[in-house]
Amino acid sequence: MKGAAEGDLKQQLKKIIAFESDRGIDPQSIGDNDPLFGEDSTIQLDSLDILQISMVIYKTYGLKITGSNDARRAFATVTSLANEIQSQ
């Protein structure tokens, strides 16, 4: 998935993240390579956010993320999450 399709996926992921985190985040304010959690993140997702988003990702894209190491890698950025979905 390249070009426009990849951009569309990232936009969809940003909308999911913004909606499921329930923090009033504008999806357009989330950069493709911005950290999604941790002290360097402006979004500051927590473990409950990741769990909720993971469930939506599974239902929408069929990607099952198990284990904290896999979740940290997948949810590092919107780009890393898109790459996980594309690689399945």
PDB file of N, CA and C in Angstrom:
ATOM      1  N   MET A   1       0.854  -1.173   0.000  1.00  0.00           N
ATOM      2  CA  MET A   1       0.000   0.000   0.000  1.00  0.00           C
ATOM      3  C   MET A   1       0.897   1.232   0.000  1.00  0.00           C
ATOM      4  N   LYS A   2       0.820   2.005  -1.041  1.00  0.00           N
ATOM      5  CA  LYS A   2       1.673   3.180  -1.157  1.00  0.00           C
ATOM      6  C   LYS A   2       0.848   4.402  -1.525  1.00  0.00           C
ATOM      7  N   GLY A   3       1.497   5.539  -1.420  1.00  0.00           N
ATOM      8  CA  GLY A   3       0.889   6.785  -1.875  1.00  0.00           C
ATOM      9  C   GLY A   3      -0.407   7.140  -1.188  1.00  0.00           C
ATOM     10  N   ALA A   4      -1.431   7.388  -2.002  1.00  0.00           N
ATOM     11  CA  ALA A   4      -2.723   7.844  -1.485  1.00  0.00           C
ATOM     12  C   ALA A   4      -3.352   6.830  -0.544  1.00  0.00           C
ATOM     13  N   ALA A   5      -3.236   5.542  -0.870  1.00  0.00           N
ATOM     14  CA  ALA A   5      -3.843   4.514  -0.019  1.00  0.00           C
ATOM     15  C   ALA A   5      -3.196   4.508   1.361  1.00  0.00           C
ATOM     16  N   GLU A   6      -1.880   4.655   1.408  1.00  0.00           N
ATOM     17  CA  GLU A   6      -1.184   4.698   2.694  1.00  0.00           C
ATOM     18  C   GLU A   6      -1.584   5.945   3.475  1.00  0.00           C
ATOM     19  N   GLY A   7      -1.703   7.066   2.781  1.00  0.00           N
ATOM     20  CA  GLY A   7      -2.149   8.304   3.422  1.00  0.00           C
ATOM     21  C   GLY A   7      -3.557   8.181   3.962  1.00  0.00           C
ATOM     22  N   ASP A   8      -4.429   7.510   3.199  1.00  0.00           N
ATOM     23  CA  ASP A   8      -5.801   7.286   3.660  1.00  0.00           C
ATOM     24  C   ASP A   8      -5.824   6.439   4.920  1.00  0.00           C
ATOM     25  N   LEU A   9      -5.005   5.394   4.958  1.00  0.00           N
ATOM     26  CA  LEU A   9      -4.935   4.539   6.138  1.00  0.00           C
ATOM     27  C   LEU A   9      -4.490   5.347   7.348  1.00  0.00           C
ATOM     28  N   LYS A  10      -3.474   6.159   7.187  1.00  0.00           N
ATOM     29  CA  LYS A  10      -2.984   6.976   8.305  1.00  0.00           C
ATOM     30  C   LYS A  10      -4.055   7.948   8.780  1.00  0.00           C
ATOM     31  N   GLN A  11      -4.809   8.529   7.866  1.00  0.00           N
ATOM     32  CA  GLN A  11      -5.876   9.446   8.256  1.00  0.00           C
ATOM     33  C   GLN A  11      -6.967   8.706   9.029  1.00  0.00           C
ATOM     34  N   GLN A  12      -7.302   7.504   8.583  1.00  0.00           N
ATOM     35  CA  GLN A  12      -8.289   6.694   9.289  1.00  0.00           C
ATOM     36  C   GLN A  12      -7.792   6.342  10.688  1.00  0.00           C
ATOM     37  N   LEU A  13      -6.517   5.995  10.800  1.00  0.00           N
ATOM     38  CA  LEU A  13      -5.951   5.663  12.110  1.00  0.00           C
ATOM     39  C   LEU A  13      -5.969   6.877  13.043  1.00  0.00           C
ATOM     40  N   LYS A  14      -5.660   8.032  12.520  1.00  0.00           N
ATOM     41  CA  LYS A  14      -5.689   9.251  13.335  1.00  0.00           C
ATOM     42  C   LYS A  14      -7.095   9.521  13.854  1.00  0.00           C
ATOM     43  N   LYS A  15      -8.100   9.295  13.020  1.00  0.00           N
ATOM     44  CA  LYS A  15      -9.486   9.482  13.451  1.00  0.00           C
ATOM     45  C   LYS A  15      -9.852   8.490  14.548  1.00  0.00           C
ATOM     46  N   ILE A  16      -9.426   7.244  14.391  1.00  0.00           N
ATOM     47  CA  ILE A  16      -9.691   6.224  15.416  1.00  0.00           C
ATOM     48  C   ILE A  16      -9.018   6.614  16.724  1.00  0.00           C
ATOM     49  N   ILE A  17      -7.759   7.007  16.658  1.00  0.00           N
ATOM     50  CA  ILE A  17      -7.007   7.392  17.861  1.00  0.00           C
ATOM     51  C   ILE A  17      -7.679   8.575  18.555  1.00  0.00           C
ATOM     52  N   ALA A  18      -8.033   9.589  17.779  1.00  0.00           N
ATOM     53  CA  ALA A  18      -8.668  10.784  18.361  1.00  0.00           C
ATOM     54  C   ALA A  18     -10.001  10.431  19.004  1.00  0.00           C
ATOM     55  N   PHE A  19     -10.822   9.645  18.324  1.00  0.00           N
ATOM     56  CA  PHE A  19     -12.143   9.304  18.847  1.00  0.00           C
ATOM     57  C   PHE A  19     -12.044   8.405  20.072  1.00  0.00           C
ATOM     58  N   GLU A  20     -11.241   7.361  19.994  1.00  0.00           N
ATOM     59  CA  GLU A  20     -11.182   6.374  21.070  1.00  0.00           C
ATOM     60  C   GLU A  20     -10.456   6.888  22.310  1.00  0.00           C
ATOM     61  N   SER A  21      -9.547   7.827  22.153  1.00  0.00           N
ATOM     62  CA  SER A  21      -8.853   8.365  23.326  1.00  0.00           C
ATOM     63  C   SER A  21      -9.734   9.333  24.101  1.00  0.00           C
ATOM     64  N   ASP A  22     -10.780   9.848  23.456  1.00  0.00           N
ATOM     65  CA  ASP A  22     -11.772  10.699  24.112  1.00  0.00           C
ATOM     66  C   ASP A  22     -11.132  11.882  24.849  1.00  0.00           C
ATOM     67  N   ARG A  23     -10.172  12.525  24.184  1.00  0.00           N
ATOM     68  CA  ARG A  23      -9.500  13.670  24.789  1.00  0.00           C
ATOM     69  C   ARG A  23      -9.743  14.969  24.013  1.00  0.00           C
ATOM     70  N   GLY A  24     -10.640  14.907  23.050  1.00  0.00           N
ATOM     71  CA  GLY A  24     -10.910  16.096  22.250  1.00  0.00           C
ATOM     72  C   GLY A  24      -9.773  16.455  21.316  1.00  0.00           C
ATOM     73  N   ILE A  25      -9.025  15.461  20.877  1.00  0.00           N
ATOM     74  CA  ILE A  25      -7.891  15.682  19.981  1.00  0.00           C
ATOM     75  C   ILE A  25      -8.407  15.839  18.554  1.00  0.00           C
ATOM     76  N   ASP A  26      -7.879  16.814  17.846  1.00  0.00           N
ATOM     77  CA  ASP A  26      -8.167  16.962  16.426  1.00  0.00           C
ATOM     78  C   ASP A  26      -7.287  15.961  15.676  1.00  0.00           C
ATOM     79  N   PRO A  27      -7.875  15.057  14.906  1.00  0.00           N
ATOM     80  CA  PRO A  27      -7.068  14.069  14.181  1.00  0.00           C
ATOM     81  C   PRO A  27      -5.984  14.707  13.311  1.00  0.00           C
ATOM     82  N   GLN A  28      -6.261  15.893  12.776  1.00  0.00           N
ATOM     83  CA  GLN A  28      -5.283  16.575  11.920  1.00  0.00           C
ATOM     84  C   GLN A  28      -4.060  17.065  12.705  1.00  0.00           C
ATOM     85  N   SER A  29      -4.189  17.142  14.027  1.00  0.00           N
ATOM     86  CA  SER A  29      -3.059  17.606  14.835  1.00  0.00           C
ATOM     87  C   SER A  29      -2.073  16.480  15.154  1.00  0.00           C
ATOM     88  N   ILE A  30      -2.431  15.247  14.808  1.00  0.00           N
ATOM     89  CA  ILE A  30      -1.558  14.106  15.067  1.00  0.00           C
ATOM     90  C   ILE A  30      -0.641  13.914  13.865  1.00  0.00           C
ATOM     91  N   GLY A  31       0.651  14.063  14.097  1.00  0.00           N
ATOM     92  CA  GLY A  31       1.627  13.862  13.025  1.00  0.00           C
ATOM     93  C   GLY A  31       1.872  12.383  12.796  1.00  0.00           C
ATOM     94  N   ASP A  32       2.235  12.029  11.578  1.00  0.00           N
ATOM     95  CA  ASP A  32       2.475  10.628  11.240  1.00  0.00           C
ATOM     96  C   ASP A  32       3.541   9.989  12.123  1.00  0.00           C
ATOM     97  N   ASN A  33       4.543  10.772  12.515  1.00  0.00           N
ATOM     98  CA  ASN A  33       5.662  10.228  13.286  1.00  0.00           C
ATOM     99  C   ASN A  33       5.747  10.780  14.700  1.00  0.00           C
ATOM    100  N   ASP A  34       4.661  11.390  15.177  1.00  0.00           N
ATOM    101  CA  ASP A  34       4.608  11.858  16.566  1.00  0.00           C
ATOM    102  C   ASP A  34       4.471  10.659  17.492  1.00  0.00           C
ATOM    103  N   PRO A  35       5.207  10.651  18.611  1.00  0.00           N
ATOM    104  CA  PRO A  35       5.022   9.557  19.580  1.00  0.00           C
ATOM    105  C   PRO A  35       3.585   9.568  20.112  1.00  0.00           C
ATOM    106  N   LEU A  36       2.999   8.397  20.240  1.00  0.00           N
ATOM    107  CA  LEU A  36       1.613   8.305  20.708  1.00  0.00           C
ATOM    108  C   LEU A  36       1.512   8.148  22.218  1.00  0.00           C
ATOM    109  N   PHE A  37       2.583   7.702  22.855  1.00  0.00           N
ATOM    110  CA  PHE A  37       2.568   7.584  24.308  1.00  0.00           C
ATOM    111  C   PHE A  37       3.963   7.853  24.842  1.00  0.00           C
ATOM    112  N   GLY A  38       4.057   8.018  26.149  1.00  0.00           N
ATOM    113  CA  GLY A  38       5.344   8.309  26.778  1.00  0.00           C
ATOM    114  C   GLY A  38       5.518   9.793  27.018  1.00  0.00           C
ATOM    115  N   GLU A  39       6.606  10.132  27.652  1.00  0.00           N
ATOM    116  CA  GLU A  39       6.828  11.519  28.072  1.00  0.00           C
ATOM    117  C   GLU A  39       7.069  12.470  26.903  1.00  0.00           C
ATOM    118  N   ASP A  40       7.478  11.963  25.747  1.00  0.00           N
ATOM    119  CA  ASP A  40       7.701  12.821  24.582  1.00  0.00           C
ATOM    120  C   ASP A  40       6.438  13.038  23.751  1.00  0.00           C
ATOM    121  N   SER A  41       5.347  12.414  24.155  1.00  0.00           N
ATOM    122  CA  SER A  41       4.103  12.473  23.389  1.00  0.00           C
ATOM    123  C   SER A  41       3.243  13.645  23.826  1.00  0.00           C
ATOM    124  N   THR A  42       2.678  14.348  22.844  1.00  0.00           N
ATOM    125  CA  THR A  42       1.711  15.387  23.178  1.00  0.00           C
ATOM    126  C   THR A  42       0.331  14.773  23.396  1.00  0.00           C
ATOM    127  N   ILE A  43       0.102  13.590  22.832  1.00  0.00           N
ATOM    128  CA  ILE A  43      -1.183  12.905  22.958  1.00  0.00           C
ATOM    129  C   ILE A  43      -1.278  12.161  24.285  1.00  0.00           C
ATOM    130  N   GLN A  44      -0.172  11.541  24.694  1.00  0.00           N
ATOM    131  CA  GLN A  44      -0.065  10.832  25.973  1.00  0.00           C
ATOM    132  C   GLN A  44      -1.131   9.746  26.142  1.00  0.00           C
ATOM    133  N   LEU A  45      -1.207   8.833  25.169  1.00  0.00           N
ATOM    134  CA  LEU A  45      -2.110   7.701  25.325  1.00  0.00           C
ATOM    135  C   LEU A  45      -1.666   6.872  26.517  1.00  0.00           C
ATOM    136  N   ASP A  46      -2.631   6.281  27.221  1.00  0.00           N
ATOM    137  CA  ASP A  46      -2.293   5.391  28.329  1.00  0.00           C
ATOM    138  C   ASP A  46      -2.686   3.972  27.955  1.00  0.00           C
ATOM    139  N   SER A  47      -2.472   3.036  28.858  1.00  0.00           N
ATOM    140  CA  SER A  47      -2.717   1.622  28.554  1.00  0.00           C
ATOM    141  C   SER A  47      -4.188   1.340  28.237  1.00  0.00           C
ATOM    142  N   LEU A  48      -5.087   2.046  28.876  1.00  0.00           N
ATOM    143  CA  LEU A  48      -6.509   1.860  28.562  1.00  0.00           C
ATOM    144  C   LEU A  48      -6.854   2.370  27.165  1.00  0.00           C
ATOM    145  N   ASP A  49      -6.244   3.490  26.775  1.00  0.00           N
ATOM    146  CA  ASP A  49      -6.431   3.999  25.416  1.00  0.00           C
ATOM    147  C   ASP A  49      -5.926   2.975  24.394  1.00  0.00           C
ATOM    148  N   ILE A  50      -4.746   2.441  24.650  1.00  0.00           N
ATOM    149  CA  ILE A  50      -4.147   1.464  23.732  1.00  0.00           C
ATOM    150  C   ILE A  50      -5.042   0.230  23.616  1.00  0.00           C
ATOM    151  N   LEU A  51      -5.574  -0.228  24.726  1.00  0.00           N
ATOM    152  CA  LEU A  51      -6.466  -1.389  24.708  1.00  0.00           C
ATOM    153  C   LEU A  51      -7.706  -1.098  23.874  1.00  0.00           C
ATOM    154  N   GLN A  52      -8.324   0.039  24.096  1.00  0.00           N
ATOM    155  CA  GLN A  52      -9.529   0.415  23.350  1.00  0.00           C
ATOM    156  C   GLN A  52      -9.226   0.546  21.865  1.00  0.00           C
ATOM    157  N   ILE A  53      -8.152   1.216  21.530  1.00  0.00           N
ATOM    158  CA  ILE A  53      -7.770   1.398  20.128  1.00  0.00           C
ATOM    159  C   ILE A  53      -7.423   0.055  19.495  1.00  0.00           C
ATOM    160  N   SER A  54      -6.755  -0.809  20.251  1.00  0.00           N
ATOM    161  CA  SER A  54      -6.396  -2.146  19.752  1.00  0.00           C
ATOM    162  C   SER A  54      -7.636  -2.936  19.361  1.00  0.00           C
ATOM    163  N   MET A  55      -8.689  -2.830  20.152  1.00  0.00           N
ATOM    164  CA  MET A  55      -9.926  -3.549  19.844  1.00  0.00           C
ATOM    165  C   MET A  55     -10.546  -3.036  18.546  1.00  0.00           C
ATOM    166  N   VAL A  56     -10.523  -1.725  18.353  1.00  0.00           N
ATOM    167  CA  VAL A  56     -11.072  -1.153  17.124  1.00  0.00           C
ATOM    168  C   VAL A  56     -10.202  -1.542  15.929  1.00  0.00           C
ATOM    169  N   ILE A  57      -8.893  -1.529  16.100  1.00  0.00           N
ATOM    170  CA  ILE A  57      -7.971  -1.929  15.032  1.00  0.00           C
ATOM    171  C   ILE A  57      -8.223  -3.387  14.643  1.00  0.00           C
ATOM    172  N   TYR A  58      -8.443  -4.231  15.630  1.00  0.00           N
ATOM    173  CA  TYR A  58      -8.719  -5.644  15.349  1.00  0.00           C
ATOM    174  C   TYR A  58     -10.036  -5.799  14.586  1.00  0.00           C
ATOM    175  N   LYS A  59     -11.072  -5.123  15.044  1.00  0.00           N
ATOM    176  CA  LYS A  59     -12.378  -5.217  14.380  1.00  0.00           C
ATOM    177  C   LYS A  59     -12.350  -4.638  12.967  1.00  0.00           C
ATOM    178  N   THR A  60     -11.593  -3.563  12.783  1.00  0.00           N
ATOM    179  CA  THR A  60     -11.575  -2.865  11.503  1.00  0.00           C
ATOM    180  C   THR A  60     -10.603  -3.486  10.502  1.00  0.00           C
ATOM    181  N   TYR A  61      -9.403  -3.839  10.979  1.00  0.00           N
ATOM    182  CA  TYR A  61      -8.340  -4.282  10.070  1.00  0.00           C
ATOM    183  C   TYR A  61      -7.898  -5.733  10.296  1.00  0.00           C
ATOM    184  N   GLY A  62      -8.413  -6.367  11.339  1.00  0.00           N
ATOM    185  CA  GLY A  62      -8.043  -7.751  11.606  1.00  0.00           C
ATOM    186  C   GLY A  62      -6.664  -7.929  12.224  1.00  0.00           C
ATOM    187  N   LEU A  63      -6.039  -6.842  12.652  1.00  0.00           N
ATOM    188  CA  LEU A  63      -4.714  -6.919  13.262  1.00  0.00           C
ATOM    189  C   LEU A  63      -4.867  -7.156  14.757  1.00  0.00           C
ATOM    190  N   LYS A  64      -4.359  -8.286  15.221  1.00  0.00           N
ATOM    191  CA  LYS A  64      -4.402  -8.608  16.640  1.00  0.00           C
ATOM    192  C   LYS A  64      -3.027  -8.334  17.231  1.00  0.00           C
ATOM    193  N   ILE A  65      -2.997  -7.440  18.189  1.00  0.00           N
ATOM    194  CA  ILE A  65      -1.748  -7.059  18.837  1.00  0.00           C
ATOM    195  C   ILE A  65      -1.752  -7.679  20.231  1.00  0.00           C
ATOM    196  N   THR A  66      -0.803  -8.569  20.459  1.00  0.00           N
ATOM    197  CA  THR A  66      -0.726  -9.235  21.758  1.00  0.00           C
ATOM    198  C   THR A  66       0.620  -8.938  22.401  1.00  0.00           C
ATOM    199  N   GLY A  67       0.603  -8.760  23.680  1.00  0.00           N
ATOM    200  CA  GLY A  67       1.833  -8.518  24.429  1.00  0.00           C
ATOM    201  C   GLY A  67       2.233  -7.055  24.441  1.00  0.00           C
ATOM    202  N   SER A  68       2.832  -6.658  25.527  1.00  0.00           N
ATOM    203  CA  SER A  68       3.190  -5.245  25.695  1.00  0.00           C
ATOM    204  C   SER A  68       4.309  -4.813  24.751  1.00  0.00           C
ATOM    205  N   ASN A  69       5.261  -5.707  24.451  1.00  0.00           N
ATOM    206  CA  ASN A  69       6.331  -5.324  23.525  1.00  0.00           C
ATOM    207  C   ASN A  69       5.790  -5.077  22.124  1.00  0.00           C
ATOM    208  N   ASP A  70       4.875  -5.934  21.671  1.00  0.00           N
ATOM    209  CA  ASP A  70       4.258  -5.743  20.357  1.00  0.00           C
ATOM    210  C   ASP A  70       3.442  -4.457  20.337  1.00  0.00           C
ATOM    211  N   ALA A  71       2.721  -4.193  21.411  1.00  0.00           N
ATOM    212  CA  ALA A  71       1.907  -2.975  21.482  1.00  0.00           C
ATOM    213  C   ALA A  71       2.788  -1.729  21.474  1.00  0.00           C
ATOM    214  N   ARG A  72       3.881  -1.751  22.205  1.00  0.00           N
ATOM    215  CA  ARG A  72       4.788  -0.590  22.224  1.00  0.00           C
ATOM    216  C   ARG A  72       5.349  -0.315  20.837  1.00  0.00           C
ATOM    217  N   ARG A  73       5.733  -1.379  20.149  1.00  0.00           N
ATOM    218  CA  ARG A  73       6.278  -1.221  18.804  1.00  0.00           C
ATOM    219  C   ARG A  73       5.205  -0.716  17.840  1.00  0.00           C
ATOM    220  N   ALA A  74       4.047  -1.341  17.862  1.00  0.00           N
ATOM    221  CA  ALA A  74       2.970  -0.986  16.930  1.00  0.00           C
ATOM    222  C   ALA A  74       2.445   0.419  17.190  1.00  0.00           C
ATOM    223  N   PHE A  75       2.292   0.792  18.435  1.00  0.00           N
ATOM    224  CA  PHE A  75       1.688   2.074  18.786  1.00  0.00           C
ATOM    225  C   PHE A  75       2.709   3.176  19.037  1.00  0.00           C
ATOM    226  N   ALA A  76       3.921   2.989  18.559  1.00  0.00           N
ATOM    227  CA  ALA A  76       4.923   4.040  18.728  1.00  0.00           C
ATOM    228  C   ALA A  76       4.492   5.315  18.002  1.00  0.00           C
ATOM    229  N   THR A  77       4.019   5.164  16.760  1.00  0.00           N
ATOM    230  CA  THR A  77       3.574   6.295  15.937  1.00  0.00           C
ATOM    231  C   THR A  77       2.440   5.816  15.029  1.00  0.00           C
ATOM    232  N   VAL A  78       1.793   6.749  14.375  1.00  0.00           N
ATOM    233  CA  VAL A  78       0.769   6.389  13.392  1.00  0.00           C
ATOM    234  C   VAL A  78       1.425   5.595  12.255  1.00  0.00           C
ATOM    235  N   THR A  79       2.615   5.988  11.851  1.00  0.00           N
ATOM    236  CA  THR A  79       3.331   5.279  10.785  1.00  0.00           C
ATOM    237  C   THR A  79       3.612   3.840  11.177  1.00  0.00           C
ATOM    238  N   SER A  80       4.068   3.608  12.398  1.00  0.00           N
ATOM    239  CA  SER A  80       4.367   2.233  12.819  1.00  0.00           C
ATOM    240  C   SER A  80       3.094   1.392  12.878  1.00  0.00           C
ATOM    241  N   LEU A  81       1.989   1.997  13.288  1.00  0.00           N
ATOM    242  CA  LEU A  81       0.717   1.270  13.326  1.00  0.00           C
ATOM    243  C   LEU A  81       0.251   0.939  11.907  1.00  0.00           C
ATOM    244  N   ALA A  82       0.375   1.883  10.995  1.00  0.00           N
ATOM    245  CA  ALA A  82       0.020   1.642   9.587  1.00  0.00           C
ATOM    246  C   ALA A  82       0.901   0.530   9.004  1.00  0.00           C
ATOM    247  N   ASN A  83       2.185   0.549   9.331  1.00  0.00           N
ATOM    248  CA  ASN A  83       3.098  -0.495   8.841  1.00  0.00           C
ATOM    249  C   ASN A  83       2.707  -1.869   9.352  1.00  0.00           C
ATOM    250  N   GLU A  84       2.296  -1.957  10.610  1.00  0.00           N
ATOM    251  CA  GLU A  84       1.843  -3.244  11.170  1.00  0.00           C
ATOM    252  C   GLU A  84       0.617  -3.759  10.431  1.00  0.00           C
ATOM    253  N   ILE A  85      -0.308  -2.885  10.140  1.00  0.00           N
ATOM    254  CA  ILE A  85      -1.530  -3.276   9.427  1.00  0.00           C
ATOM    255  C   ILE A  85      -1.175  -3.727   8.012  1.00  0.00           C
ATOM    256  N   GLN A  86      -0.307  -2.995   7.354  1.00  0.00           N
ATOM    257  CA  GLN A  86       0.063  -3.312   5.978  1.00  0.00           C
ATOM    258  C   GLN A  86       0.876  -4.607   5.877  1.00  0.00           C
ATOM    259  N   SER A  87       1.601  -4.945   6.920  1.00  0.00           N
ATOM    260  CA  SER A  87       2.484  -6.122   6.849  1.00  0.00           C
ATOM    261  C   SER A  87       1.766  -7.435   7.157  1.00  0.00           C
ATOM    262  N   GLN A  88       0.540  -7.369   7.572  1.00  0.00           N
ATOM    263  CA  GLN A  88      -0.164  -8.618   7.914  1.00  0.00           C
ATOM    264  C   GLN A  88      -0.630  -9.364   6.692  1.00  0.00           C
TER     265      GLN A  88
END
